[in-house]
């Protein structure tokens, strides 16, 4: 069993913030989906959550979504992140598929 169902990697960028907003609406409906955001800069990730929170309707609170530090320049951090989730939404850009655990689903949002 993985710690998270979904991790949005590269969540501080434009595409990542959009993914946060959309996922926030979706996971509010079926309870029990565990998700997190990830990227190389913790402060920018916190800022992304704060920014997106302003656009969400009342009743959706993402202020306590877990944040994971992972950087494509540090393959071990990416590998550790991948081992924690069932599905990775990659908003960073192309990264090597060999970094991923074969038991995890992967989708490159930016193609």
N, C-alpha and C. Protein backbone atom coordinates (compact mmCIF):
# COMPACT_ATOMS: atom_id res chain seq x y z
N UNK A 1 0.84 -1.18 0.00
CA UNK A 1 0.00 0.00 0.00
C UNK A 1 0.89 1.25 0.00
N UNK A 2 0.58 2.18 -0.85
CA UNK A 2 1.34 3.42 -0.95
C UNK A 2 0.76 4.48 -0.02
N UNK A 3 1.60 5.41 0.39
CA UNK A 3 1.17 6.48 1.29
C UNK A 3 0.14 7.40 0.64
N UNK A 4 0.33 7.69 -0.67
CA UNK A 4 -0.56 8.59 -1.38
C UNK A 4 -1.16 7.90 -2.60
N UNK A 5 -2.36 8.33 -2.96
CA UNK A 5 -2.97 7.85 -4.19
C UNK A 5 -2.44 8.65 -5.38
N UNK A 6 -2.23 9.97 -5.16
CA UNK A 6 -1.80 10.87 -6.24
C UNK A 6 -0.79 11.88 -5.70
N UNK A 7 0.28 12.11 -6.47
CA UNK A 7 1.20 13.22 -6.20
C UNK A 7 1.28 14.07 -7.47
N UNK A 8 1.13 15.38 -7.30
CA UNK A 8 1.33 16.31 -8.40
C UNK A 8 2.77 16.81 -8.30
N UNK A 9 3.61 16.44 -9.25
CA UNK A 9 5.02 16.81 -9.27
C UNK A 9 5.19 18.05 -10.14
N UNK A 10 5.81 19.09 -9.58
CA UNK A 10 5.96 20.36 -10.29
C UNK A 10 4.73 21.22 -10.07
N UNK A 11 4.20 21.15 -8.86
CA UNK A 11 2.92 21.80 -8.54
C UNK A 11 3.01 23.32 -8.42
N UNK A 12 4.19 23.89 -8.39
CA UNK A 12 4.29 25.35 -8.22
C UNK A 12 4.21 26.12 -9.53
N UNK A 13 4.32 25.44 -10.65
CA UNK A 13 4.21 26.10 -11.95
C UNK A 13 2.76 26.30 -12.37
N UNK A 14 2.56 26.92 -13.51
CA UNK A 14 1.22 27.22 -14.01
C UNK A 14 0.39 25.94 -14.18
N UNK A 15 0.94 24.96 -14.85
CA UNK A 15 0.22 23.70 -15.07
C UNK A 15 -0.02 22.98 -13.74
N UNK A 16 0.97 23.02 -12.86
CA UNK A 16 0.83 22.39 -11.55
C UNK A 16 -0.27 23.02 -10.73
N UNK A 17 -0.36 24.34 -10.74
CA UNK A 17 -1.41 25.03 -9.99
C UNK A 17 -2.79 24.69 -10.55
N UNK A 18 -2.87 24.59 -11.85
CA UNK A 18 -4.14 24.19 -12.48
C UNK A 18 -4.50 22.77 -12.03
N UNK A 19 -3.51 21.89 -11.99
CA UNK A 19 -3.76 20.51 -11.56
C UNK A 19 -4.22 20.47 -10.10
N UNK A 20 -3.61 21.30 -9.25
CA UNK A 20 -4.04 21.39 -7.84
C UNK A 20 -5.51 21.79 -7.77
N UNK A 21 -5.87 22.82 -8.51
CA UNK A 21 -7.25 23.32 -8.48
C UNK A 21 -8.23 22.24 -8.94
N UNK A 22 -7.94 21.62 -10.05
CA UNK A 22 -8.85 20.60 -10.59
C UNK A 22 -8.94 19.39 -9.67
N UNK A 23 -7.81 18.94 -9.16
CA UNK A 23 -7.81 17.78 -8.26
C UNK A 23 -8.56 18.10 -6.98
N UNK A 24 -8.44 19.32 -6.50
CA UNK A 24 -9.15 19.74 -5.29
C UNK A 24 -10.65 19.56 -5.43
N UNK A 25 -11.17 19.88 -6.60
CA UNK A 25 -12.61 19.72 -6.84
C UNK A 25 -12.99 18.24 -6.93
N UNK A 26 -12.15 17.45 -7.55
CA UNK A 26 -12.46 16.03 -7.76
C UNK A 26 -12.39 15.21 -6.47
N UNK A 27 -11.35 15.41 -5.70
CA UNK A 27 -11.18 14.57 -4.50
C UNK A 27 -12.10 14.99 -3.37
N UNK A 28 -12.74 16.11 -3.51
CA UNK A 28 -13.71 16.55 -2.50
C UNK A 28 -14.97 15.68 -2.56
N UNK A 29 -15.24 15.09 -3.73
CA UNK A 29 -16.45 14.29 -3.91
C UNK A 29 -16.31 12.88 -3.33
N UNK A 30 -15.36 12.04 -3.81
CA UNK A 30 -15.21 10.74 -3.15
C UNK A 30 -14.18 10.87 -2.02
N UNK A 31 -14.61 10.78 -0.79
CA UNK A 31 -13.65 10.93 0.32
C UNK A 31 -12.66 9.78 0.36
N UNK A 32 -11.54 10.05 0.97
CA UNK A 32 -10.56 8.99 1.17
C UNK A 32 -9.41 8.98 0.19
N UNK A 33 -9.41 9.87 -0.81
CA UNK A 33 -8.28 9.94 -1.74
C UNK A 33 -7.20 10.78 -1.08
N UNK A 34 -6.02 10.17 -0.92
CA UNK A 34 -4.89 10.86 -0.30
C UNK A 34 -3.97 11.38 -1.39
N UNK A 35 -3.69 12.68 -1.33
CA UNK A 35 -2.82 13.27 -2.35
C UNK A 35 -1.86 14.27 -1.73
N UNK A 36 -0.82 14.59 -2.51
CA UNK A 36 0.22 15.51 -2.07
C UNK A 36 0.73 16.27 -3.28
N UNK A 37 1.52 17.32 -3.00
CA UNK A 37 2.20 18.04 -4.08
C UNK A 37 3.70 17.91 -3.86
N UNK A 38 4.45 18.04 -4.95
CA UNK A 38 5.90 17.88 -4.85
C UNK A 38 6.60 18.83 -5.81
N UNK A 39 7.85 19.13 -5.46
CA UNK A 39 8.68 19.98 -6.30
C UNK A 39 9.99 20.27 -5.59
N UNK A 40 10.81 21.10 -6.21
CA UNK A 40 12.14 21.34 -5.66
C UNK A 40 12.18 22.48 -4.65
N UNK A 41 11.15 23.36 -4.64
CA UNK A 41 11.18 24.53 -3.77
C UNK A 41 9.95 24.52 -2.85
N UNK A 42 10.16 24.20 -1.60
CA UNK A 42 9.07 24.08 -0.62
C UNK A 42 8.29 25.38 -0.50
N UNK A 43 8.97 26.51 -0.46
CA UNK A 43 8.28 27.80 -0.31
C UNK A 43 7.36 28.09 -1.49
N UNK A 44 7.81 27.78 -2.70
CA UNK A 44 6.96 27.99 -3.88
C UNK A 44 5.75 27.04 -3.85
N UNK A 45 5.94 25.84 -3.34
CA UNK A 45 4.83 24.89 -3.23
C UNK A 45 3.80 25.39 -2.21
N UNK A 46 4.29 25.91 -1.08
CA UNK A 46 3.37 26.49 -0.08
C UNK A 46 2.60 27.66 -0.69
N UNK A 47 3.30 28.48 -1.44
CA UNK A 47 2.68 29.62 -2.11
C UNK A 47 1.61 29.17 -3.11
N UNK A 48 1.89 28.08 -3.82
CA UNK A 48 0.92 27.55 -4.78
C UNK A 48 -0.36 27.12 -4.07
N UNK A 49 -0.23 26.44 -2.94
CA UNK A 49 -1.42 26.04 -2.18
C UNK A 49 -2.22 27.25 -1.71
N UNK A 50 -1.50 28.26 -1.20
CA UNK A 50 -2.17 29.48 -0.72
C UNK A 50 -2.90 30.18 -1.87
N UNK A 51 -2.24 30.29 -3.00
CA UNK A 51 -2.81 30.96 -4.16
C UNK A 51 -4.05 30.24 -4.67
N UNK A 52 -3.95 28.93 -4.83
CA UNK A 52 -5.08 28.16 -5.35
C UNK A 52 -6.24 28.17 -4.35
N UNK A 53 -5.93 28.14 -3.06
CA UNK A 53 -6.97 28.15 -2.03
C UNK A 53 -7.92 29.34 -2.20
N UNK A 54 -7.39 30.48 -2.64
CA UNK A 54 -8.20 31.68 -2.82
C UNK A 54 -9.30 31.51 -3.87
N UNK A 55 -9.09 30.59 -4.83
CA UNK A 55 -10.05 30.39 -5.91
C UNK A 55 -11.05 29.28 -5.64
N UNK A 56 -10.83 28.52 -4.58
CA UNK A 56 -11.68 27.37 -4.30
C UNK A 56 -12.94 27.79 -3.54
N UNK A 57 -14.04 27.09 -3.78
CA UNK A 57 -15.26 27.41 -3.03
C UNK A 57 -15.13 27.03 -1.56
N UNK A 58 -15.99 27.62 -0.75
CA UNK A 58 -16.00 27.27 0.67
C UNK A 58 -16.25 25.77 0.80
N UNK A 59 -15.61 25.18 1.78
CA UNK A 59 -15.77 23.75 2.01
C UNK A 59 -14.62 22.93 1.45
N UNK A 60 -13.82 23.53 0.58
CA UNK A 60 -12.63 22.84 0.07
C UNK A 60 -11.42 23.52 0.67
N UNK A 61 -10.69 22.79 1.50
CA UNK A 61 -9.52 23.35 2.19
C UNK A 61 -8.29 22.53 1.85
N UNK A 62 -7.35 23.16 1.15
CA UNK A 62 -6.13 22.45 0.75
C UNK A 62 -4.90 22.93 1.51
N UNK A 63 -5.11 23.74 2.54
CA UNK A 63 -3.97 24.31 3.26
C UNK A 63 -3.08 23.28 3.93
N UNK A 64 -3.60 22.10 4.21
CA UNK A 64 -2.81 21.08 4.91
C UNK A 64 -2.42 19.91 4.01
N UNK A 65 -2.47 20.12 2.71
CA UNK A 65 -2.03 19.07 1.78
C UNK A 65 -0.53 18.86 1.98
N UNK A 66 -0.08 17.61 2.10
CA UNK A 66 1.35 17.35 2.30
C UNK A 66 2.20 17.85 1.13
N UNK A 67 3.40 18.31 1.48
CA UNK A 67 4.36 18.81 0.50
C UNK A 67 5.61 17.92 0.56
N UNK A 68 6.06 17.50 -0.62
CA UNK A 68 7.23 16.62 -0.73
C UNK A 68 8.30 17.33 -1.53
N UNK A 69 9.53 17.31 -1.03
CA UNK A 69 10.66 17.89 -1.76
C UNK A 69 11.22 16.83 -2.70
N UNK A 70 11.23 17.14 -3.99
CA UNK A 70 11.80 16.25 -5.00
C UNK A 70 12.33 17.12 -6.14
N UNK A 71 13.51 16.77 -6.61
CA UNK A 71 14.18 17.57 -7.64
C UNK A 71 14.73 16.64 -8.71
N UNK A 72 14.46 16.96 -9.98
CA UNK A 72 14.94 16.12 -11.07
C UNK A 72 16.47 16.07 -11.13
N UNK A 73 17.15 17.03 -10.52
CA UNK A 73 18.61 17.01 -10.46
C UNK A 73 19.13 16.05 -9.39
N UNK A 74 18.21 15.53 -8.58
CA UNK A 74 18.54 14.56 -7.53
C UNK A 74 17.68 13.32 -7.75
N UNK A 75 18.13 12.39 -8.59
CA UNK A 75 17.31 11.23 -8.94
C UNK A 75 16.83 10.42 -7.74
N UNK A 76 17.60 10.39 -6.67
CA UNK A 76 17.15 9.62 -5.51
C UNK A 76 15.91 10.25 -4.87
N UNK A 77 15.81 11.58 -4.91
CA UNK A 77 14.62 12.24 -4.34
C UNK A 77 13.39 11.94 -5.20
N UNK A 78 13.58 11.86 -6.52
CA UNK A 78 12.47 11.52 -7.41
C UNK A 78 12.05 10.08 -7.18
N UNK A 79 13.02 9.20 -7.04
CA UNK A 79 12.73 7.78 -6.80
C UNK A 79 11.97 7.60 -5.49
N UNK A 80 12.40 8.27 -4.44
CA UNK A 80 11.71 8.18 -3.14
C UNK A 80 10.28 8.69 -3.25
N UNK A 81 10.09 9.80 -3.97
CA UNK A 81 8.75 10.34 -4.16
C UNK A 81 7.87 9.32 -4.88
N UNK A 82 8.39 8.73 -5.93
CA UNK A 82 7.62 7.77 -6.72
C UNK A 82 7.19 6.55 -5.90
N UNK A 83 8.02 6.14 -5.00
CA UNK A 83 7.69 4.98 -4.16
C UNK A 83 6.56 5.27 -3.19
N UNK A 84 6.22 6.54 -3.01
CA UNK A 84 5.19 6.93 -2.05
C UNK A 84 3.79 7.05 -2.66
N UNK A 85 3.67 6.90 -3.99
CA UNK A 85 2.38 7.16 -4.63
C UNK A 85 1.98 6.07 -5.61
N UNK A 86 0.68 6.01 -5.86
CA UNK A 86 0.16 5.09 -6.86
C UNK A 86 0.13 5.74 -8.24
N UNK A 87 -0.09 7.08 -8.27
CA UNK A 87 -0.17 7.81 -9.53
C UNK A 87 0.60 9.11 -9.41
N UNK A 88 1.49 9.37 -10.36
CA UNK A 88 2.25 10.61 -10.40
C UNK A 88 1.78 11.44 -11.58
N UNK A 89 1.32 12.67 -11.31
CA UNK A 89 0.99 13.61 -12.37
C UNK A 89 2.21 14.52 -12.54
N UNK A 90 2.92 14.37 -13.63
CA UNK A 90 4.15 15.11 -13.85
C UNK A 90 3.86 16.42 -14.57
N UNK A 91 4.04 17.52 -13.85
CA UNK A 91 3.87 18.86 -14.43
C UNK A 91 5.21 19.56 -14.59
N UNK A 92 6.30 18.84 -14.40
CA UNK A 92 7.65 19.39 -14.50
C UNK A 92 8.10 19.45 -15.95
N UNK A 93 7.82 18.44 -16.70
CA UNK A 93 8.31 18.27 -18.05
C UNK A 93 8.83 16.85 -18.18
N UNK A 94 9.38 16.51 -19.31
CA UNK A 94 9.84 15.13 -19.51
C UNK A 94 10.93 14.74 -18.52
N UNK A 95 10.76 13.61 -17.89
CA UNK A 95 11.80 13.03 -17.04
C UNK A 95 11.92 11.56 -17.41
N UNK A 96 13.03 10.97 -17.09
CA UNK A 96 13.29 9.60 -17.51
C UNK A 96 12.36 8.63 -16.81
N UNK A 97 11.69 7.80 -17.61
CA UNK A 97 10.77 6.80 -17.06
C UNK A 97 11.51 5.76 -16.23
N UNK A 98 12.79 5.57 -16.46
CA UNK A 98 13.55 4.58 -15.70
C UNK A 98 13.67 4.97 -14.24
N UNK A 99 13.38 6.23 -13.91
CA UNK A 99 13.41 6.67 -12.51
C UNK A 99 12.22 6.13 -11.73
N UNK A 100 11.22 5.62 -12.43
CA UNK A 100 9.98 5.27 -11.78
C UNK A 100 9.93 3.81 -11.37
N UNK A 101 9.19 3.59 -10.33
CA UNK A 101 8.89 2.26 -9.83
C UNK A 101 7.84 1.66 -10.77
N UNK A 102 8.03 0.44 -11.20
CA UNK A 102 7.12 -0.17 -12.16
C UNK A 102 5.72 -0.41 -11.59
N UNK A 103 5.54 -0.29 -10.29
CA UNK A 103 4.23 -0.50 -9.69
C UNK A 103 3.43 0.79 -9.58
N UNK A 104 3.95 1.88 -10.15
CA UNK A 104 3.29 3.17 -10.07
C UNK A 104 2.83 3.58 -11.46
N UNK A 105 1.63 4.15 -11.57
CA UNK A 105 1.15 4.69 -12.84
C UNK A 105 1.76 6.09 -13.00
N UNK A 106 2.01 6.47 -14.25
CA UNK A 106 2.68 7.73 -14.53
C UNK A 106 1.98 8.39 -15.70
N UNK A 107 1.76 9.70 -15.61
CA UNK A 107 1.26 10.45 -16.75
C UNK A 107 2.01 11.77 -16.85
N UNK A 108 2.49 12.05 -18.03
CA UNK A 108 3.19 13.29 -18.32
C UNK A 108 2.14 14.31 -18.74
N UNK A 109 1.83 15.29 -17.90
CA UNK A 109 0.79 16.26 -18.19
C UNK A 109 1.23 17.18 -19.32
N UNK A 110 2.51 17.53 -19.36
CA UNK A 110 3.05 18.40 -20.39
C UNK A 110 3.67 17.53 -21.47
N UNK A 111 3.04 17.47 -22.63
CA UNK A 111 3.55 16.62 -23.72
C UNK A 111 3.83 17.46 -24.95
